[in-house]
């Protein structure tokens, strides 16, 4: 039998997947799914919004920016099928939060324990840059998602956009400056724990190393108790 939170998350997933609220995002995600990247020409793209994924009883929530055009927008699962996801799930596997170090497709056997992964904006945006209006349109989904994840003690915010979305959700004013490993404890909520986003721009330049990401998840586990 579904628990209350599992039922809430399941209902939310169905609403997320069917959302067409933002015309620019709908047009872009569907255009990408139709034209495809040459390397994936033989694959059927998901081309819809991407719900969160993981353990409904999670104490650790990982909050990113938005799905990648040829990653989650192709595979249908958050942080799946791109280099950012490769980095993220390797680190989560090393931390004991994921049962395998890679995430290539839905149905590849990946499961998360005590962790939930999601994004502030549920559709792939052009140039990976949602507008403020698109962010705000998705905010009710994030609000309901975090409310259902009632055991969450830590939110790992990947990048400044994810951090800003978390601060907006919890009403953090003034907002402390974003930085890698910055912690923002909330009086009546979880700890916001910041990390540079595992984007190629950050990982290729060495701004984010695997050791730095491992340290964030080690700290997240410590804060989660």
N, C-alpha and C. Protein backbone atom coordinates (compact mmCIF):
# COMPACT_ATOMS: atom_id res chain seq x y z
N UNK A 1 0.85 -1.20 0.00
CA UNK A 1 0.00 0.00 0.00
C UNK A 1 0.88 1.24 0.00
N UNK A 2 0.51 2.25 -0.78
CA UNK A 2 1.28 3.49 -0.83
C UNK A 2 1.19 4.23 0.50
N UNK A 3 2.31 4.79 0.94
CA UNK A 3 2.27 5.70 2.06
C UNK A 3 1.69 7.02 1.59
N UNK A 4 1.34 7.89 2.56
CA UNK A 4 0.81 9.18 2.19
C UNK A 4 1.75 9.97 1.30
N UNK A 5 3.04 10.00 1.67
CA UNK A 5 3.97 10.79 0.88
C UNK A 5 4.19 10.18 -0.50
N UNK A 6 4.21 8.85 -0.59
CA UNK A 6 4.38 8.21 -1.89
C UNK A 6 3.20 8.53 -2.80
N UNK A 7 2.00 8.51 -2.25
CA UNK A 7 0.81 8.84 -3.04
C UNK A 7 0.86 10.30 -3.49
N UNK A 8 1.29 11.20 -2.59
CA UNK A 8 1.39 12.62 -2.95
C UNK A 8 2.39 12.82 -4.08
N UNK A 9 3.53 12.16 -3.98
CA UNK A 9 4.57 12.31 -5.00
C UNK A 9 4.13 11.70 -6.32
N UNK A 10 3.39 10.60 -6.25
CA UNK A 10 2.88 9.98 -7.47
C UNK A 10 1.88 10.88 -8.18
N UNK A 11 0.98 11.49 -7.41
CA UNK A 11 0.00 12.41 -8.00
C UNK A 11 0.70 13.63 -8.59
N UNK A 12 1.71 14.13 -7.89
CA UNK A 12 2.46 15.28 -8.38
C UNK A 12 3.18 14.93 -9.67
N UNK A 13 3.78 13.75 -9.74
CA UNK A 13 4.47 13.32 -10.96
C UNK A 13 3.54 13.34 -12.16
N UNK A 14 2.34 12.85 -11.98
CA UNK A 14 1.39 12.82 -13.09
C UNK A 14 1.04 14.24 -13.56
N UNK A 15 0.93 15.16 -12.62
CA UNK A 15 0.64 16.55 -13.00
C UNK A 15 1.83 17.19 -13.69
N UNK A 16 3.03 16.95 -13.17
CA UNK A 16 4.24 17.52 -13.77
C UNK A 16 4.37 17.07 -15.22
N UNK A 17 4.25 15.79 -15.46
CA UNK A 17 4.48 15.23 -16.78
C UNK A 17 3.51 15.78 -17.82
N UNK A 18 2.32 16.15 -17.39
CA UNK A 18 1.32 16.64 -18.33
C UNK A 18 1.28 18.17 -18.45
N UNK A 19 2.17 18.87 -17.75
CA UNK A 19 2.11 20.34 -17.71
C UNK A 19 2.51 20.95 -19.06
N UNK A 20 1.75 21.99 -19.45
CA UNK A 20 2.04 22.75 -20.66
C UNK A 20 1.90 24.26 -20.37
N UNK A 21 2.27 24.66 -19.17
CA UNK A 21 2.00 26.03 -18.72
C UNK A 21 2.87 27.08 -19.39
N UNK A 22 4.08 26.72 -19.81
CA UNK A 22 5.03 27.71 -20.33
C UNK A 22 5.25 27.49 -21.82
N UNK A 23 4.66 28.32 -22.69
CA UNK A 23 4.73 28.08 -24.14
C UNK A 23 6.16 27.97 -24.68
N UNK A 24 7.07 28.81 -24.21
CA UNK A 24 8.45 28.77 -24.71
C UNK A 24 9.11 27.44 -24.39
N UNK A 25 8.90 26.95 -23.16
CA UNK A 25 9.51 25.69 -22.76
C UNK A 25 8.87 24.50 -23.48
N UNK A 26 7.56 24.54 -23.64
CA UNK A 26 6.88 23.47 -24.37
C UNK A 26 7.42 23.38 -25.80
N UNK A 27 7.53 24.54 -26.47
CA UNK A 27 8.01 24.55 -27.85
C UNK A 27 9.44 24.04 -27.95
N UNK A 28 10.28 24.44 -27.01
CA UNK A 28 11.70 24.05 -27.05
C UNK A 28 11.88 22.57 -26.77
N UNK A 29 11.26 22.07 -25.71
CA UNK A 29 11.46 20.66 -25.37
C UNK A 29 10.96 19.75 -26.49
N UNK A 30 9.86 20.15 -27.15
CA UNK A 30 9.30 19.32 -28.22
C UNK A 30 10.12 19.45 -29.51
N UNK A 31 10.66 20.63 -29.75
CA UNK A 31 11.53 20.81 -30.92
C UNK A 31 12.79 19.94 -30.79
N UNK A 32 13.39 19.97 -29.60
CA UNK A 32 14.58 19.15 -29.36
C UNK A 32 14.26 17.67 -29.52
N UNK A 33 13.10 17.26 -29.02
CA UNK A 33 12.70 15.85 -29.10
C UNK A 33 12.45 15.42 -30.54
N UNK A 34 12.04 16.36 -31.38
CA UNK A 34 11.75 16.03 -32.77
C UNK A 34 13.02 16.03 -33.64
N UNK A 35 13.89 17.02 -33.40
CA UNK A 35 15.08 17.13 -34.25
C UNK A 35 16.20 16.22 -33.77
N UNK A 36 16.33 16.02 -32.47
CA UNK A 36 17.29 15.11 -31.85
C UNK A 36 18.74 15.52 -32.12
N UNK A 37 19.62 14.95 -31.36
CA UNK A 37 21.05 15.04 -31.60
C UNK A 37 21.46 13.82 -32.42
N UNK A 38 22.41 14.00 -33.32
CA UNK A 38 22.78 12.91 -34.24
C UNK A 38 23.14 11.63 -33.49
N UNK A 39 23.80 11.77 -32.36
CA UNK A 39 24.24 10.59 -31.59
C UNK A 39 23.06 9.79 -31.06
N UNK A 40 21.89 10.43 -30.95
CA UNK A 40 20.72 9.77 -30.38
C UNK A 40 19.58 9.67 -31.41
N UNK A 41 19.93 9.71 -32.68
CA UNK A 41 18.92 9.77 -33.74
C UNK A 41 17.98 8.57 -33.73
N UNK A 42 18.46 7.44 -33.22
CA UNK A 42 17.63 6.23 -33.22
C UNK A 42 16.81 6.08 -31.94
N UNK A 43 16.88 7.07 -31.05
CA UNK A 43 16.18 6.98 -29.77
C UNK A 43 14.92 7.84 -29.79
N UNK A 44 13.92 7.40 -29.06
CA UNK A 44 12.72 8.21 -28.87
C UNK A 44 12.92 9.12 -27.67
N UNK A 45 12.84 10.41 -27.89
CA UNK A 45 13.02 11.37 -26.80
C UNK A 45 11.75 11.44 -25.95
N UNK A 46 11.96 11.71 -24.67
CA UNK A 46 10.85 11.91 -23.75
C UNK A 46 10.08 13.18 -24.11
N UNK A 47 10.77 14.32 -24.17
CA UNK A 47 10.19 15.56 -24.64
C UNK A 47 9.07 16.14 -23.80
N UNK A 48 9.06 15.84 -22.51
CA UNK A 48 8.02 16.32 -21.60
C UNK A 48 8.69 16.84 -20.31
N UNK A 49 7.93 17.41 -19.39
CA UNK A 49 8.53 17.82 -18.11
C UNK A 49 9.09 16.60 -17.37
N UNK A 50 10.04 16.87 -16.48
CA UNK A 50 10.75 15.82 -15.76
C UNK A 50 10.41 15.88 -14.27
N UNK A 51 9.77 14.86 -13.72
CA UNK A 51 9.48 14.84 -12.29
C UNK A 51 10.74 14.48 -11.47
N UNK A 52 10.65 14.68 -10.18
CA UNK A 52 11.73 14.24 -9.29
C UNK A 52 11.80 12.73 -9.22
N UNK A 53 12.88 12.25 -8.61
CA UNK A 53 13.15 10.80 -8.60
C UNK A 53 13.90 10.44 -7.32
N UNK A 54 13.56 9.29 -6.74
CA UNK A 54 14.33 8.80 -5.61
C UNK A 54 13.50 8.15 -4.53
N UNK A 55 13.97 8.29 -3.30
CA UNK A 55 13.39 7.66 -2.12
C UNK A 55 12.40 8.63 -1.47
N UNK A 56 11.12 8.29 -1.42
CA UNK A 56 10.14 9.21 -0.81
C UNK A 56 10.43 9.52 0.66
N UNK A 57 11.20 8.65 1.32
CA UNK A 57 11.55 8.89 2.72
C UNK A 57 12.91 9.58 2.87
N UNK A 58 13.37 10.22 1.81
CA UNK A 58 14.71 10.80 1.79
C UNK A 58 14.93 11.86 2.87
N UNK A 59 16.11 11.82 3.46
CA UNK A 59 16.54 12.90 4.35
C UNK A 59 17.39 13.93 3.59
N UNK A 60 17.86 13.55 2.39
CA UNK A 60 18.70 14.43 1.57
C UNK A 60 18.01 14.66 0.23
N UNK A 61 17.77 15.93 -0.10
CA UNK A 61 17.20 16.30 -1.39
C UNK A 61 18.27 17.03 -2.19
N UNK A 62 18.45 16.64 -3.44
CA UNK A 62 19.39 17.31 -4.34
C UNK A 62 18.57 18.14 -5.32
N UNK A 63 18.82 19.43 -5.35
CA UNK A 63 18.02 20.36 -6.15
C UNK A 63 18.88 21.02 -7.21
N UNK A 64 18.57 20.72 -8.47
CA UNK A 64 19.31 21.31 -9.58
C UNK A 64 18.54 22.41 -10.28
N UNK A 65 19.04 22.78 -11.46
CA UNK A 65 18.47 23.89 -12.23
C UNK A 65 17.27 23.45 -13.06
N UNK A 66 17.50 22.63 -14.08
CA UNK A 66 16.47 22.21 -15.02
C UNK A 66 17.00 21.03 -15.82
N UNK A 67 16.14 20.28 -16.48
CA UNK A 67 16.61 19.15 -17.29
C UNK A 67 17.50 19.61 -18.45
N UNK A 68 18.45 18.78 -18.82
CA UNK A 68 19.28 19.04 -20.00
C UNK A 68 18.53 18.62 -21.26
N UNK A 69 18.73 19.36 -22.34
CA UNK A 69 17.98 19.13 -23.57
C UNK A 69 18.16 17.71 -24.10
N UNK A 70 19.39 17.21 -24.06
CA UNK A 70 19.67 15.88 -24.60
C UNK A 70 20.00 14.88 -23.50
N UNK A 71 19.78 15.30 -22.24
CA UNK A 71 19.92 14.39 -21.10
C UNK A 71 18.55 13.96 -20.65
N UNK A 72 18.05 14.58 -19.58
CA UNK A 72 16.74 14.20 -19.04
C UNK A 72 15.61 14.41 -20.03
N UNK A 73 15.69 15.43 -20.88
CA UNK A 73 14.64 15.65 -21.88
C UNK A 73 14.59 14.50 -22.88
N UNK A 74 15.69 13.77 -22.99
CA UNK A 74 15.74 12.59 -23.85
C UNK A 74 15.33 11.34 -23.10
N UNK A 75 15.86 11.17 -21.90
CA UNK A 75 15.67 9.90 -21.18
C UNK A 75 14.43 9.86 -20.30
N UNK A 76 13.93 11.03 -19.89
CA UNK A 76 12.75 11.07 -19.04
C UNK A 76 13.03 10.95 -17.57
N UNK A 77 14.30 11.01 -17.16
CA UNK A 77 14.61 10.97 -15.72
C UNK A 77 15.65 12.04 -15.41
N UNK A 78 15.43 12.71 -14.32
CA UNK A 78 16.26 13.84 -13.94
C UNK A 78 17.75 13.43 -13.83
N UNK A 79 18.63 14.29 -14.37
CA UNK A 79 20.08 14.07 -14.35
C UNK A 79 20.50 12.73 -14.97
N UNK A 80 19.75 12.25 -15.93
CA UNK A 80 20.06 10.96 -16.54
C UNK A 80 20.42 11.13 -18.00
N UNK A 81 21.57 10.57 -18.37
CA UNK A 81 21.97 10.58 -19.77
C UNK A 81 22.85 11.74 -20.19
N UNK A 82 23.49 12.43 -19.23
CA UNK A 82 24.42 13.51 -19.58
C UNK A 82 25.59 13.52 -18.61
N UNK A 83 26.58 14.34 -18.90
CA UNK A 83 27.81 14.34 -18.09
C UNK A 83 27.58 14.86 -16.68
N UNK A 84 26.67 15.80 -16.52
CA UNK A 84 26.36 16.29 -15.17
C UNK A 84 25.82 15.15 -14.31
N UNK A 85 24.92 14.35 -14.89
CA UNK A 85 24.39 13.20 -14.17
C UNK A 85 25.46 12.17 -13.86
N UNK A 86 26.40 11.99 -14.79
CA UNK A 86 27.50 11.06 -14.54
C UNK A 86 28.25 11.45 -13.26
N UNK A 87 28.56 12.73 -13.16
CA UNK A 87 29.27 13.22 -11.98
C UNK A 87 28.43 13.08 -10.73
N UNK A 88 27.18 13.48 -10.83
CA UNK A 88 26.31 13.47 -9.65
C UNK A 88 26.12 12.06 -9.11
N UNK A 89 25.74 11.13 -9.97
CA UNK A 89 25.42 9.79 -9.46
C UNK A 89 26.66 9.00 -9.07
N UNK A 90 27.82 9.29 -9.66
CA UNK A 90 29.06 8.68 -9.16
C UNK A 90 29.30 9.11 -7.71
N UNK A 91 29.13 10.41 -7.47
CA UNK A 91 29.34 10.92 -6.11
C UNK A 91 28.31 10.34 -5.15
N UNK A 92 27.07 10.24 -5.57
CA UNK A 92 26.03 9.70 -4.70
C UNK A 92 26.27 8.21 -4.44
N UNK A 93 26.79 7.50 -5.42
CA UNK A 93 27.14 6.09 -5.22
C UNK A 93 28.27 5.95 -4.21
N UNK A 94 29.28 6.78 -4.34
CA UNK A 94 30.39 6.73 -3.38
C UNK A 94 29.91 7.06 -1.97
N UNK A 95 28.87 7.89 -1.87
CA UNK A 95 28.33 8.27 -0.55
C UNK A 95 27.35 7.24 0.00
N UNK A 96 27.03 6.23 -0.80
CA UNK A 96 26.08 5.21 -0.35
C UNK A 96 24.63 5.58 -0.57
N UNK A 97 24.38 6.61 -1.37
CA UNK A 97 23.01 7.07 -1.62
C UNK A 97 22.42 6.49 -2.90
N UNK A 98 23.24 5.93 -3.77
CA UNK A 98 22.80 5.33 -5.02
C UNK A 98 23.39 3.93 -5.14
N UNK A 99 22.64 3.02 -5.73
CA UNK A 99 23.10 1.63 -5.81
C UNK A 99 24.06 1.37 -6.95
N UNK A 100 24.23 2.35 -7.86
CA UNK A 100 25.16 2.18 -8.97
C UNK A 100 25.71 3.56 -9.34
N UNK A 101 26.87 3.61 -9.99
CA UNK A 101 27.54 4.89 -10.22
C UNK A 101 27.15 5.59 -11.52
N UNK A 102 26.19 5.06 -12.26
CA UNK A 102 25.83 5.72 -13.51
C UNK A 102 24.31 5.71 -13.70
N UNK A 103 23.86 6.63 -14.52
CA UNK A 103 22.44 6.75 -14.81
C UNK A 103 22.31 7.07 -16.29
N UNK A 104 21.97 6.07 -17.08
CA UNK A 104 21.96 6.24 -18.53
C UNK A 104 20.57 6.25 -19.14
N UNK A 105 19.60 5.62 -18.46
CA UNK A 105 18.25 5.54 -19.01
C UNK A 105 17.28 5.13 -17.92
N UNK A 106 16.01 5.50 -18.09
CA UNK A 106 15.00 4.94 -17.20
C UNK A 106 14.99 3.43 -17.36
N UNK A 107 14.85 2.73 -16.25
CA UNK A 107 14.86 1.28 -16.31
C UNK A 107 16.23 0.67 -16.28
N UNK A 108 17.27 1.48 -16.00
CA UNK A 108 18.64 0.93 -15.95
C UNK A 108 18.98 0.34 -14.59
N UNK A 109 18.02 0.30 -13.67
CA UNK A 109 18.24 -0.32 -12.37
C UNK A 109 18.66 0.63 -11.28
N UNK A 110 18.83 1.91 -11.59
CA UNK A 110 19.26 2.87 -10.57
C UNK A 110 18.18 3.03 -9.50
N UNK A 111 18.59 2.94 -8.25
CA UNK A 111 17.71 3.28 -7.13
C UNK A 111 18.49 4.15 -6.16
N UNK A 112 17.78 5.02 -5.47
CA UNK A 112 18.38 5.90 -4.48
C UNK A 112 17.86 5.52 -3.10
N UNK A 113 18.73 5.62 -2.11
CA UNK A 113 18.38 5.35 -0.73
C UNK A 113 18.62 6.61 0.09
N UNK A 114 17.58 7.09 0.75
CA UNK A 114 17.67 8.26 1.62
C UNK A 114 17.96 9.54 0.83
N UNK A 115 17.71 9.53 -0.47
CA UNK A 115 17.97 10.70 -1.30
C UNK A 115 16.90 10.86 -2.36
N UNK A 116 16.64 12.10 -2.72
CA UNK A 116 15.69 12.45 -3.76
C UNK A 116 16.34 13.51 -4.63
N UNK A 117 16.23 13.39 -5.95
CA UNK A 117 16.86 14.33 -6.88
C UNK A 117 15.77 15.00 -7.70
N UNK A 118 15.85 16.32 -7.82
CA UNK A 118 14.84 17.05 -8.58
C UNK A 118 15.46 18.33 -9.14
N UNK A 119 14.63 19.11 -9.83
CA UNK A 119 15.08 20.38 -10.41
C UNK A 119 14.05 21.46 -10.14
N UNK A 120 14.52 22.69 -10.05
CA UNK A 120 13.62 23.81 -9.76
C UNK A 120 12.66 24.06 -10.91
N UNK A 121 13.13 23.88 -12.15
CA UNK A 121 12.30 24.01 -13.35
C UNK A 121 12.23 22.63 -14.00
N UNK A 122 11.05 22.20 -14.38
CA UNK A 122 10.85 20.81 -14.79
C UNK A 122 11.03 20.56 -16.27
N UNK A 123 11.13 21.61 -17.08
CA UNK A 123 11.32 21.45 -18.53
C UNK A 123 12.69 21.95 -18.95
N UNK A 124 13.25 21.35 -19.99
CA UNK A 124 14.52 21.82 -20.54
C UNK A 124 14.33 23.21 -21.14
N UNK A 125 15.13 24.20 -20.73
CA UNK A 125 14.99 25.55 -21.27
C UNK A 125 16.04 25.83 -22.35
N UNK A 126 15.73 26.71 -23.31
CA UNK A 126 16.75 27.12 -24.28
C UNK A 126 17.97 27.71 -23.58
N UNK A 127 19.15 27.31 -24.06
CA UNK A 127 20.42 27.80 -23.50
C UNK A 127 20.55 27.51 -22.01
N UNK A 128 19.75 26.57 -21.51
CA UNK A 128 19.77 26.19 -20.10
C UNK A 128 19.47 27.37 -19.18
N UNK A 129 18.63 28.29 -19.65
CA UNK A 129 18.33 29.50 -18.88
C UNK A 129 16.83 29.73 -18.82
N UNK A 130 16.18 29.26 -17.77
CA UNK A 130 14.76 29.58 -17.60
C UNK A 130 14.59 31.06 -17.29
N UNK A 131 13.46 31.61 -17.66
CA UNK A 131 13.15 32.99 -17.30
C UNK A 131 12.59 33.03 -15.88
N UNK A 132 12.60 34.20 -15.25
CA UNK A 132 11.97 34.30 -13.92
C UNK A 132 10.51 33.86 -13.93
N UNK A 133 9.78 34.18 -14.99
CA UNK A 133 8.37 33.79 -15.06
C UNK A 133 8.24 32.27 -15.12
N UNK A 134 9.12 31.61 -15.85
CA UNK A 134 9.10 30.14 -15.94
C UNK A 134 9.47 29.52 -14.60
N UNK A 135 10.43 30.10 -13.93
CA UNK A 135 10.79 29.63 -12.59
C UNK A 135 9.60 29.74 -11.65
N UNK A 136 8.92 30.89 -11.71
CA UNK A 136 7.78 31.11 -10.82
C UNK A 136 6.61 30.18 -11.15
N UNK A 137 6.43 29.87 -12.44
CA UNK A 137 5.35 28.97 -12.83
C UNK A 137 5.57 27.56 -12.30
N UNK A 138 6.84 27.17 -12.16
CA UNK A 138 7.18 25.83 -11.66
C UNK A 138 7.24 25.78 -10.13
N UNK A 139 7.28 26.93 -9.49
CA UNK A 139 7.45 26.96 -8.04
C UNK A 139 6.40 26.17 -7.27
N UNK A 140 5.13 26.18 -7.68
CA UNK A 140 4.15 25.37 -6.93
C UNK A 140 4.45 23.87 -6.97
N UNK A 141 5.02 23.38 -8.07
CA UNK A 141 5.42 21.98 -8.12
C UNK A 141 6.50 21.70 -7.08
N UNK A 142 7.51 22.57 -7.03
CA UNK A 142 8.59 22.39 -6.07
C UNK A 142 8.06 22.49 -4.65
N UNK A 143 7.15 23.41 -4.40
CA UNK A 143 6.59 23.57 -3.07
C UNK A 143 5.89 22.29 -2.61
N UNK A 144 5.09 21.72 -3.47
CA UNK A 144 4.38 20.48 -3.12
C UNK A 144 5.34 19.31 -2.98
N UNK A 145 6.36 19.29 -3.81
CA UNK A 145 7.36 18.21 -3.74
C UNK A 145 8.09 18.24 -2.41
N UNK A 146 8.56 19.40 -2.01
CA UNK A 146 9.29 19.51 -0.75
C UNK A 146 8.37 19.27 0.45
N UNK A 147 7.11 19.65 0.33
CA UNK A 147 6.17 19.39 1.42
C UNK A 147 5.95 17.89 1.59
N UNK A 148 5.90 17.15 0.49
CA UNK A 148 5.71 15.70 0.56
C UNK A 148 6.96 15.01 1.11
N UNK A 149 8.13 15.58 0.84
CA UNK A 149 9.39 15.01 1.34
C UNK A 149 9.62 15.50 2.77
N UNK A 150 8.75 15.10 3.64
CA UNK A 150 8.68 15.67 4.98
C UNK A 150 9.84 15.27 5.88
N UNK A 151 10.59 14.24 5.49
CA UNK A 151 11.72 13.81 6.31
C UNK A 151 13.03 14.51 5.91
N UNK A 152 12.99 15.36 4.91
CA UNK A 152 14.20 15.99 4.41
C UNK A 152 14.85 16.88 5.47
N UNK A 153 16.11 16.60 5.74
CA UNK A 153 16.90 17.39 6.69
C UNK A 153 17.88 18.32 5.98
N UNK A 154 18.25 17.97 4.74
CA UNK A 154 19.27 18.71 4.01
C UNK A 154 18.82 18.87 2.56
N UNK A 155 19.01 20.05 2.00
CA UNK A 155 18.81 20.26 0.57
C UNK A 155 20.15 20.66 -0.02
N UNK A 156 20.69 19.79 -0.86
CA UNK A 156 21.94 20.08 -1.56
C UNK A 156 21.57 20.89 -2.80
N UNK A 157 21.97 22.15 -2.81
CA UNK A 157 21.60 23.07 -3.89
C UNK A 157 22.73 23.11 -4.91
N UNK A 158 22.46 22.58 -6.09
CA UNK A 158 23.48 22.53 -7.14
C UNK A 158 23.42 23.81 -7.96
N UNK A 159 24.38 24.69 -7.72
CA UNK A 159 24.44 25.94 -8.46
C UNK A 159 23.59 27.04 -7.86
N UNK A 160 23.84 28.26 -8.33
CA UNK A 160 23.16 29.42 -7.79
C UNK A 160 21.67 29.43 -8.05
N UNK A 161 21.23 28.87 -9.18
CA UNK A 161 19.80 28.88 -9.50
C UNK A 161 19.03 27.98 -8.54
N UNK A 162 19.56 26.78 -8.31
CA UNK A 162 18.92 25.88 -7.36
C UNK A 162 18.89 26.47 -5.96
N UNK A 163 19.98 27.14 -5.59
CA UNK A 163 20.05 27.78 -4.28
C UNK A 163 19.02 28.89 -4.16
N UNK A 164 18.91 29.72 -5.20
CA UNK A 164 17.94 30.81 -5.18
C UNK A 164 16.51 30.27 -5.09
N UNK A 165 16.25 29.16 -5.80
CA UNK A 165 14.92 28.56 -5.74
C UNK A 165 14.61 28.06 -4.34
N UNK A 166 15.59 27.43 -3.69
CA UNK A 166 15.39 26.94 -2.32
C UNK A 166 15.17 28.09 -1.36
N UNK A 167 15.97 29.15 -1.51
CA UNK A 167 15.79 30.32 -0.64
C UNK A 167 14.43 30.96 -0.84
N UNK A 168 13.99 31.03 -2.09
CA UNK A 168 12.68 31.58 -2.36
C UNK A 168 11.57 30.74 -1.73
N UNK A 169 11.73 29.43 -1.81
CA UNK A 169 10.73 28.53 -1.24
C UNK A 169 10.61 28.72 0.27
N UNK A 170 11.74 28.83 0.94
CA UNK A 170 11.73 28.91 2.40
C UNK A 170 11.71 30.35 2.92
N UNK A 171 11.65 31.32 2.03
CA UNK A 171 11.57 32.71 2.44
C UNK A 171 12.82 33.23 3.12
N UNK A 172 13.99 32.81 2.65
CA UNK A 172 15.26 33.25 3.25
C UNK A 172 15.53 34.69 2.83
N UNK A 173 15.53 35.60 3.80
CA UNK A 173 15.79 37.02 3.58
C UNK A 173 16.59 37.56 4.76
N UNK A 174 17.72 38.23 4.50
CA UNK A 174 18.39 38.33 3.21
C UNK A 174 19.03 36.98 2.84
N UNK A 175 19.33 36.80 1.58
CA UNK A 175 19.90 35.54 1.12
C UNK A 175 21.42 35.58 1.22
N UNK A 176 22.03 34.70 2.02
CA UNK A 176 23.50 34.66 2.07
C UNK A 176 24.08 34.39 0.68
N UNK A 177 25.26 34.89 0.43
CA UNK A 177 25.91 34.73 -0.86
C UNK A 177 26.17 33.25 -1.16
N UNK A 178 25.86 32.85 -2.37
CA UNK A 178 26.11 31.47 -2.78
C UNK A 178 27.61 31.20 -2.89
N UNK A 179 28.02 30.01 -2.50
CA UNK A 179 29.40 29.57 -2.67
C UNK A 179 29.48 28.08 -2.39
N UNK A 180 30.48 27.44 -2.91
CA UNK A 180 30.61 26.01 -2.71
C UNK A 180 30.80 25.71 -1.23
N UNK A 181 30.01 24.76 -0.72
CA UNK A 181 30.04 24.29 0.67
C UNK A 181 29.44 25.28 1.66
N UNK A 182 28.85 26.38 1.18
CA UNK A 182 28.13 27.29 2.07
C UNK A 182 26.93 26.57 2.66
N UNK A 183 26.71 26.77 3.97
CA UNK A 183 25.56 26.17 4.66
C UNK A 183 24.64 27.26 5.18
N UNK A 184 23.34 27.06 4.99
CA UNK A 184 22.34 27.99 5.50
C UNK A 184 21.35 27.20 6.34
N UNK A 185 21.53 27.16 7.66
CA UNK A 185 20.55 26.46 8.50
C UNK A 185 19.27 27.27 8.60
N UNK A 186 18.14 26.59 8.54
CA UNK A 186 16.85 27.26 8.66
C UNK A 186 16.23 26.92 10.01
N UNK A 187 15.64 27.92 10.64
CA UNK A 187 15.11 27.73 11.99
C UNK A 187 14.07 26.63 12.05
N UNK A 188 13.18 26.58 11.10
CA UNK A 188 12.11 25.58 11.11
C UNK A 188 12.11 24.78 9.82
N UNK A 189 13.29 24.41 9.36
CA UNK A 189 13.38 23.67 8.11
C UNK A 189 14.73 23.01 7.97
N UNK A 190 15.02 22.50 6.79
CA UNK A 190 16.29 21.81 6.57
C UNK A 190 17.45 22.78 6.45
N UNK A 191 18.64 22.22 6.36
CA UNK A 191 19.84 22.99 6.08
C UNK A 191 20.01 23.07 4.57
N UNK A 192 20.24 24.26 4.03
CA UNK A 192 20.59 24.41 2.62
C UNK A 192 22.11 24.29 2.52
N UNK A 193 22.57 23.32 1.73
CA UNK A 193 24.00 23.05 1.57
C UNK A 193 24.35 23.25 0.11
N UNK A 194 25.21 24.21 -0.17
CA UNK A 194 25.49 24.61 -1.55
C UNK A 194 26.64 23.82 -2.17
N UNK A 195 26.53 23.61 -3.47
CA UNK A 195 27.62 23.02 -4.24
C UNK A 195 27.64 23.66 -5.62
N UNK A 196 28.85 23.83 -6.17
CA UNK A 196 28.90 24.20 -7.58
C UNK A 196 28.19 23.11 -8.38
N UNK A 197 27.53 23.52 -9.44
CA UNK A 197 26.81 22.57 -10.28
C UNK A 197 27.81 21.69 -11.04
N UNK A 198 27.53 20.38 -11.17
CA UNK A 198 28.46 19.50 -11.90
C UNK A 198 28.31 19.63 -13.41
N UNK A 199 28.24 20.85 -13.90
CA UNK A 199 28.17 21.11 -15.34
C UNK A 199 29.54 20.91 -15.96
N UNK A 200 29.57 20.72 -17.28
CA UNK A 200 30.85 20.56 -17.94
C UNK A 200 31.71 21.80 -17.78
N UNK A 201 31.09 22.97 -17.76
CA UNK A 201 31.84 24.20 -17.58
C UNK A 201 32.61 24.18 -16.26
N UNK A 202 32.01 23.64 -15.22
CA UNK A 202 32.68 23.59 -13.92
C UNK A 202 33.63 22.41 -13.78
N UNK A 203 33.25 21.25 -14.32
CA UNK A 203 34.09 20.06 -14.13
C UNK A 203 35.29 20.06 -15.07
N UNK A 204 35.12 20.54 -16.29
CA UNK A 204 36.24 20.57 -17.24
C UNK A 204 37.30 21.57 -16.81
N UNK A 205 36.89 22.65 -16.17
CA UNK A 205 37.84 23.69 -15.76
C UNK A 205 38.46 23.42 -14.40
N UNK A 206 37.93 22.42 -13.68
CA UNK A 206 38.45 22.13 -12.35
C UNK A 206 37.85 22.99 -11.26
N UNK A 207 36.87 23.81 -11.61
CA UNK A 207 36.20 24.60 -10.57
C UNK A 207 35.51 23.68 -9.58
N UNK A 208 34.99 22.55 -10.09
CA UNK A 208 34.44 21.51 -9.23
C UNK A 208 35.19 20.22 -9.50
N UNK A 209 35.73 19.63 -8.44
CA UNK A 209 36.42 18.34 -8.55
C UNK A 209 35.57 17.26 -7.89
N UNK A 210 35.90 16.00 -8.17
CA UNK A 210 35.17 14.92 -7.53
C UNK A 210 35.35 14.95 -6.02
N UNK A 211 36.54 15.34 -5.57
CA UNK A 211 36.78 15.42 -4.13
C UNK A 211 35.89 16.48 -3.48
N UNK A 212 35.70 17.60 -4.17
CA UNK A 212 34.83 18.66 -3.64
C UNK A 212 33.38 18.19 -3.56
N UNK A 213 32.92 17.47 -4.58
CA UNK A 213 31.55 16.98 -4.58
C UNK A 213 31.37 15.89 -3.52
N UNK A 214 32.39 15.03 -3.36
CA UNK A 214 32.34 14.01 -2.31
C UNK A 214 32.22 14.65 -0.93
N UNK A 215 32.95 15.74 -0.73
CA UNK A 215 32.92 16.41 0.56
C UNK A 215 31.54 16.99 0.86
N UNK A 216 30.87 17.48 -0.16
CA UNK A 216 29.51 18.00 0.02
C UNK A 216 28.58 16.89 0.48
N UNK A 217 28.65 15.72 -0.17
CA UNK A 217 27.75 14.64 0.22
C UNK A 217 28.12 14.03 1.57
N UNK A 218 29.41 14.03 1.90
CA UNK A 218 29.79 13.58 3.24
C UNK A 218 29.20 14.52 4.29
N UNK A 219 29.23 15.80 4.02
CA UNK A 219 28.66 16.77 4.95
C UNK A 219 27.14 16.63 5.01
N UNK A 220 26.51 16.38 3.85
CA UNK A 220 25.06 16.20 3.82
C UNK A 220 24.64 15.01 4.70
N UNK A 221 25.39 13.92 4.63
CA UNK A 221 25.09 12.76 5.44
C UNK A 221 25.26 13.08 6.93
N UNK A 222 26.30 13.86 7.23
CA UNK A 222 26.53 14.25 8.62
C UNK A 222 25.36 15.11 9.13
N UNK A 223 24.94 16.08 8.32
CA UNK A 223 23.84 16.96 8.74
C UNK A 223 22.51 16.21 8.83
N UNK A 224 22.35 15.19 7.98
CA UNK A 224 21.11 14.42 7.99
C UNK A 224 20.99 13.54 9.21
N UNK A 225 22.08 13.33 9.89
CA UNK A 225 22.06 12.55 11.13
C UNK A 225 22.06 11.07 10.90
